Amino acid sequence: MSRRREREDHLRALDDIRGILRAMRNLAWLETRKLMRFLETQRRVIESMEAAAGDFFAYHPGALRRAPAVRPVFLLIGSERGFCGDFNVAIRESYHQLLSPSQPEVPTVLAVGRKLQSTLGALGPPRISVDGATAAEEIQDVLGRIMDALLEHAAHTGQFSLLDLIVIRRRPTAHGIETQTDPPFHSFGGAAPRGSSPPRLYLPPQTFLTELIEQFVPARLHELIYDSLLAENMTRIQHMERALRHLEDNLEQARRQWHSSRQEEITEEIEVILLSTEAMRAAAPFRDRDAPASAE
């Protein structure tokens, strides 16, 4: 009896775990649907800014002048929660592949997401840590913390520019990790004019470009964080699906063991009944012999 009850408790525990995993998978599915809608809107914002930049650079091709090369900041966008497989490990490996063995000093790293930070901790703690997002509604706050950390770093070092930000994040497509190393609008230098007259500016060209970059970079980061959180949830869904398949196999095995234990108990009960019946039959002649004779 005790073995069957132990297996019954194990079966019940596995069934509870399956319910939790299914709930987490369904929540991840809902989050991906929501993120896809937000991401589509954000990409339209990016496209409108790039269209304005294309018109500007068609008539001001030399406006984007890179500052002297400085040590870049690596922005690594990881996950705040777990249950997403090798999501953070792949980002860490991509970052270390970009490091030059001959580089005299370690570059500044801004790591987004606690799970990524713990992954990086085994190989050296990041210089700057920022909590990541667990849902789409938290992304605006995460973006604010990233921008505050970058501005604080620039104030301390006096070397950082938004043009020197290298972003490493996971994509939701099969391409895996993407590294964003190009500065904003780097490909717009040779754009052909789309109209017969230049765009009308109410600011000097250099001032306009500076303000455009200051708006474009946060908008682009907004898009990248949306994209990373979408990839995280899609990875989490795949991880949960594999876990559920493995759990279903364990449940099936546990059910077979439970049924086997139940059959063993039933067999034992039948054997006890049969032995009791045989004992009663064997004792019947002695009861008849010892019984007092009835009065005639």
Protein backbone atom coordinates (compact mmCIF):
# COMPACT_ATOMS: atom_id res chain seq x y z
CA MET A 1 0.00 0.00 0.00
CA SER A 2 2.78 2.44 0.90
CA ARG A 3 4.50 1.99 -2.49
CA ARG A 4 1.29 2.71 -4.37
CA ARG A 5 0.66 5.82 -2.30
CA GLU A 6 4.19 7.07 -2.92
CA ARG A 7 3.72 6.59 -6.65
CA GLU A 8 0.31 8.23 -6.46
CA ASP A 9 1.83 11.27 -4.72
CA HIS A 10 4.59 11.38 -7.36
CA LEU A 11 1.99 11.21 -10.13
CA ARG A 12 0.01 14.04 -8.55
CA ALA A 13 3.16 16.18 -8.21
CA LEU A 14 4.06 15.65 -11.87
CA ASP A 15 0.55 16.61 -12.90
CA ASP A 16 0.79 19.84 -10.86
CA ILE A 17 4.13 20.68 -12.51
CA ARG A 18 2.58 20.07 -15.92
CA GLY A 19 -0.18 22.55 -15.11
CA ILE A 20 2.37 25.18 -14.06
CA LEU A 21 4.45 24.69 -17.21
CA ARG A 22 1.38 24.94 -19.41
CA ALA A 23 0.35 28.18 -17.70
CA MET A 24 3.85 29.65 -18.18
CA ARG A 25 3.87 28.60 -21.83
CA ASN A 26 0.45 30.17 -22.43
CA LEU A 27 1.54 33.42 -20.78
CA ALA A 28 4.60 33.49 -23.03
CA TRP A 29 2.35 32.99 -26.06
CA LEU A 30 0.14 35.91 -25.00
CA GLU A 31 3.21 38.09 -24.48
CA THR A 32 4.53 37.31 -27.97
CA ARG A 33 1.22 38.35 -29.54
CA LYS A 34 1.31 41.65 -27.66
CA LEU A 35 4.98 42.29 -28.45
CA MET A 36 4.42 41.68 -32.16
CA ARG A 37 1.80 44.45 -32.23
CA PHE A 38 4.02 46.88 -30.32
CA LEU A 39 7.04 45.99 -32.46
CA GLU A 40 5.15 46.68 -35.67
CA THR A 41 4.23 50.17 -34.44
CA GLN A 42 7.79 50.89 -33.30
CA ARG A 43 9.21 49.83 -36.63
CA ARG A 44 6.95 52.30 -38.40
CA VAL A 45 8.40 55.03 -36.16
CA ILE A 46 11.93 53.95 -37.12
CA GLU A 47 11.03 53.91 -40.81
CA SER A 48 9.67 57.47 -40.65
CA MET A 49 12.87 58.69 -38.95
CA GLU A 50 15.03 56.91 -41.51
CA ALA A 51 13.00 58.47 -44.33
CA ALA A 52 13.60 61.93 -42.85
CA ALA A 53 17.30 61.12 -42.46
CA GLY A 54 17.48 59.95 -46.07
CA ASP A 55 16.06 63.27 -47.30
CA PHE A 56 18.46 65.19 -45.07
CA PHE A 57 21.62 63.34 -46.11
CA ALA A 58 20.72 63.58 -49.80
CA TYR A 59 21.40 67.33 -49.55
CA HIS A 60 23.86 67.28 -46.63
CA PRO A 61 26.03 64.20 -47.28
CA GLY A 62 28.95 65.37 -45.16
CA ALA A 63 26.96 66.27 -42.05
CA LEU A 64 27.70 63.04 -40.19
CA ARG A 65 31.26 63.37 -38.97
CA ARG A 66 32.52 60.70 -36.65
CA ALA A 67 34.34 61.86 -33.54
CA PRO A 68 37.80 60.45 -32.87
CA ALA A 69 37.61 56.76 -32.05
CA VAL A 70 36.98 56.07 -28.37
CA ARG A 71 36.46 52.91 -26.38
CA PRO A 72 32.91 51.71 -27.18
CA VAL A 73 30.27 50.57 -24.73
CA PHE A 74 28.84 47.08 -25.21
CA LEU A 75 25.10 46.92 -24.53
CA LEU A 76 24.15 43.29 -23.88
CA ILE A 77 20.37 42.73 -23.78
CA GLY A 78 19.62 39.53 -21.87
CA SER A 79 16.69 38.20 -19.90
CA GLU A 80 15.32 39.16 -16.51
CA ARG A 81 13.75 35.73 -15.96
CA GLY A 82 14.89 32.19 -16.57
CA PHE A 83 13.33 29.17 -18.30
CA CYS A 84 14.66 30.32 -21.69
CA GLY A 85 17.38 27.78 -22.43
CA ASP A 86 20.74 29.13 -23.65
CA PHE A 87 19.38 32.62 -24.33
CA ASN A 88 21.90 34.41 -22.09
CA VAL A 89 24.79 32.02 -22.68
CA ALA A 90 24.66 32.73 -26.43
CA ILE A 91 24.84 36.48 -25.78
CA ARG A 92 27.83 36.02 -23.48
CA GLU A 93 29.63 33.88 -26.07
CA SER A 94 28.99 36.44 -28.82
CA TYR A 95 30.39 39.20 -26.64
CA HIS A 96 33.60 37.28 -25.90
CA GLN A 97 34.06 36.50 -29.59
CA LEU A 98 34.12 40.24 -30.32
CA LEU A 99 36.85 40.93 -27.78
CA SER A 100 40.33 41.32 -29.22
CA PRO A 101 43.02 39.26 -27.46
CA SER A 102 45.47 42.14 -27.89
CA GLN A 103 43.11 44.70 -26.36
CA PRO A 104 44.88 46.23 -23.33
CA GLU A 105 41.79 46.85 -21.23
CA VAL A 106 38.32 45.36 -20.90
CA PRO A 107 35.64 47.50 -22.56
CA THR A 108 32.69 48.91 -20.66
CA VAL A 109 29.73 46.53 -20.56
CA LEU A 110 26.14 47.47 -19.83
CA ALA A 111 24.26 44.22 -19.07
CA VAL A 112 20.46 44.28 -19.14
CA GLY A 113 18.68 41.49 -17.27
CA ARG A 114 19.51 39.72 -14.01
CA LYS A 115 19.88 36.29 -15.58
CA LEU A 116 22.41 37.64 -18.06
CA GLN A 117 24.28 39.39 -15.25
CA SER A 118 24.57 36.12 -13.32
CA THR A 119 25.82 34.42 -16.48
CA LEU A 120 28.48 37.08 -17.00
CA GLY A 121 29.42 36.93 -13.33
CA ALA A 122 31.21 33.62 -13.78
CA LEU A 123 33.66 35.30 -16.18
CA GLY A 124 33.89 38.72 -14.58
CA PRO A 125 31.16 41.09 -13.38
CA PRO A 126 29.82 43.72 -15.82
CA ARG A 127 30.70 47.33 -15.22
CA ILE A 128 27.06 48.50 -15.36
CA SER A 129 23.96 46.43 -14.53
CA VAL A 130 20.36 47.29 -15.36
CA ASP A 131 17.26 45.25 -14.54
CA GLY A 132 15.46 44.00 -17.63
CA ALA A 133 11.80 43.76 -18.62
CA THR A 134 9.48 40.84 -17.94
CA ALA A 135 6.57 42.30 -19.96
CA ALA A 136 6.06 44.82 -22.74
CA GLU A 137 4.70 47.42 -20.32
CA GLU A 138 8.06 47.57 -18.50
CA ILE A 139 10.18 48.31 -21.58
CA GLN A 140 9.80 52.09 -21.32
CA ASP A 141 11.20 52.02 -17.78
CA VAL A 142 14.06 49.76 -18.89
CA LEU A 143 14.91 52.15 -21.70
CA GLY A 144 14.98 55.03 -19.23
CA ARG A 145 17.39 53.14 -16.96
CA ILE A 146 19.65 52.34 -19.93
CA MET A 147 19.79 55.95 -21.07
CA ASP A 148 20.45 57.15 -17.49
CA ALA A 149 23.30 54.63 -17.16
CA LEU A 150 24.82 55.71 -20.49
CA LEU A 151 24.61 59.40 -19.61
CA GLU A 152 26.13 58.76 -16.18
CA HIS A 153 28.94 56.78 -17.78
CA ALA A 154 29.57 59.60 -20.28
CA ALA A 155 29.65 62.13 -17.46
CA HIS A 156 32.27 60.09 -15.56
CA THR A 157 34.51 59.20 -18.50
CA GLY A 158 33.90 62.03 -20.95
CA GLN A 159 34.53 59.57 -23.78
CA PHE A 160 31.22 58.00 -24.69
CA SER A 161 29.04 58.95 -27.65
CA LEU A 162 25.77 57.44 -28.81
CA LEU A 163 27.60 56.63 -32.02
CA ASP A 164 29.94 54.28 -30.14
CA LEU A 165 27.33 51.88 -28.76
CA ILE A 166 27.64 48.20 -29.74
CA VAL A 167 24.43 46.24 -29.11
CA ILE A 168 24.36 42.45 -28.76
CA ARG A 169 20.96 40.80 -28.48
CA ARG A 170 18.99 37.75 -29.51
CA ARG A 171 16.70 37.91 -32.54
CA PRO A 172 13.35 36.09 -32.68
CA THR A 173 14.23 34.66 -36.10
CA ALA A 174 16.48 31.76 -36.98
CA HIS A 175 19.45 34.13 -37.38
CA GLY A 176 20.10 33.96 -33.63
CA ILE A 177 22.41 36.59 -32.16
CA GLU A 178 22.71 39.99 -33.84
CA THR A 179 25.45 42.52 -33.16
CA GLN A 180 24.60 46.14 -33.93
CA THR A 181 27.97 47.81 -34.57
CA ASP A 182 27.11 50.41 -37.22
CA PRO A 183 26.43 54.00 -36.14
CA PRO A 184 23.04 55.52 -36.93
CA PHE A 185 22.50 56.52 -40.57
CA HIS A 186 25.91 55.16 -41.65
CA SER A 187 24.49 54.06 -45.03
CA PHE A 188 22.77 57.35 -45.95
CA GLY A 189 25.85 59.23 -47.13
CA GLY A 190 25.36 58.62 -50.83
CA ALA A 191 21.57 58.75 -51.00
CA ALA A 192 20.14 60.36 -54.15
CA PRO A 193 17.73 63.29 -53.73
CA ARG A 194 14.09 62.24 -53.96
CA GLY A 195 12.77 65.67 -54.84
CA SER A 196 13.76 68.75 -56.77
CA SER A 197 14.19 70.96 -53.71
CA PRO A 198 15.96 70.31 -50.41
CA PRO A 199 13.95 69.81 -47.22
CA ARG A 200 13.21 73.02 -45.36
CA LEU A 201 15.09 73.15 -42.06
CA TYR A 202 14.41 75.53 -39.20
CA LEU A 203 17.67 74.55 -37.50
CA PRO A 204 21.30 74.55 -38.67
CA PRO A 205 22.05 71.19 -40.37
CA GLN A 206 24.47 70.05 -37.65
CA THR A 207 22.04 70.94 -34.87
CA PHE A 208 19.22 69.18 -36.70
CA LEU A 209 21.34 66.03 -37.10
CA THR A 210 22.37 66.04 -33.44
CA GLU A 211 18.77 66.25 -32.29
CA LEU A 212 17.69 63.64 -34.83
CA ILE A 213 20.31 61.20 -33.52
CA GLU A 214 19.27 61.91 -29.92
CA GLN A 215 15.72 60.90 -30.83
CA PHE A 216 16.62 58.07 -33.18
CA VAL A 217 18.94 56.15 -30.84
CA PRO A 218 16.35 55.76 -28.01
CA ALA A 219 13.71 54.82 -30.56
CA ARG A 220 16.04 52.24 -32.07
CA LEU A 221 16.92 50.87 -28.63
CA HIS A 222 13.20 50.70 -27.89
CA GLU A 223 12.78 48.52 -30.97
CA LEU A 224 15.76 46.31 -30.06
CA ILE A 225 14.45 45.71 -26.53
CA TYR A 226 11.02 44.81 -27.93
CA ASP A 227 12.72 42.44 -30.36
CA SER A 228 14.87 40.90 -27.62
CA LEU A 229 11.90 40.33 -25.29
CA LEU A 230 10.00 38.75 -28.18
CA ALA A 231 12.94 36.44 -28.85
CA GLU A 232 13.15 35.61 -25.13
CA ASN A 233 9.49 34.60 -24.98
CA MET A 234 9.73 32.57 -28.17
CA THR A 235 12.78 30.78 -26.74
CA ARG A 236 10.88 30.25 -23.48
CA ILE A 237 7.98 28.69 -25.42
CA GLN A 238 10.34 26.27 -27.16
CA HIS A 239 12.00 25.46 -23.82
CA MET A 240 8.60 24.83 -22.20
CA GLU A 241 7.46 22.66 -25.10
CA ARG A 242 10.53 20.44 -24.69
CA ALA A 243 10.02 20.31 -20.93
CA LEU A 244 6.35 19.40 -21.37
CA ARG A 245 7.19 16.58 -23.79
CA HIS A 246 9.74 15.22 -21.33
CA LEU A 247 7.23 15.58 -18.50
CA GLU A 248 4.55 13.75 -20.47
CA ASP A 249 6.95 10.83 -20.87
CA ASN A 250 7.60 10.83 -17.13
CA LEU A 251 3.87 11.02 -16.44
CA GLU A 252 3.19 8.04 -18.71
CA GLN A 253 5.90 6.05 -16.96
CA ALA A 254 4.55 7.07 -13.54
CA ARG A 255 1.03 5.99 -14.58
CA ARG A 256 2.31 2.59 -15.66
CA GLN A 257 4.13 2.18 -12.35
CA TRP A 258 1.00 3.21 -10.44
CA HIS A 259 -1.17 0.74 -12.35
CA SER A 260 1.43 -1.97 -11.78
CA SER A 261 1.42 -1.24 -8.05
CA ARG A 262 -2.38 -1.29 -8.01
CA GLN A 263 -2.47 -4.60 -9.85
CA GLU A 264 0.03 -6.04 -7.38
CA GLU A 265 -2.18 -4.95 -4.47
CA ILE A 266 -5.28 -6.43 -6.10
CA THR A 267 -3.41 -9.67 -6.71
CA GLU A 268 -2.27 -9.75 -3.10
CA GLU A 269 -5.82 -9.11 -1.89
CA ILE A 270 -7.16 -11.93 -4.08
CA GLU A 271 -4.46 -14.26 -2.79
CA VAL A 272 -5.38 -13.38 0.80
CA ILE A 273 -9.06 -14.05 0.07
CA LEU A 274 -8.27 -17.37 -1.59
CA LEU A 275 -6.01 -18.44 1.26
CA SER A 276 -8.70 -17.47 3.77
CA THR A 277 -11.30 -19.45 1.82
CA GLU A 278 -9.07 -22.51 1.65
CA ALA A 279 -8.35 -22.25 5.37
CA MET A 280 -12.03 -22.04 6.13
CA ARG A 281 -12.74 -25.07 3.95
CA ALA A 282 -9.93 -27.04 5.62
CA ALA A 283 -11.30 -26.19 9.06
CA ALA A 284 -14.90 -27.10 8.20
CA PRO A 285 -14.66 -30.92 8.89
CA PHE A 286 -13.17 -30.29 12.31
CA ARG A 287 -15.97 -27.88 13.19
CA ASP A 288 -18.57 -30.46 12.10
CA ARG A 289 -16.89 -33.24 14.13
CA ASP A 290 -16.60 -31.16 17.27
CA ALA A 291 -20.11 -29.87 17.05
CA PRO A 292 -22.50 -31.41 19.74
CA ALA A 293 -25.03 -33.85 18.46
CA SER A 294 -28.49 -32.50 18.16
CA ALA A 295 -31.14 -33.87 20.48
CA GLU A 296 -33.41 -36.45 18.87
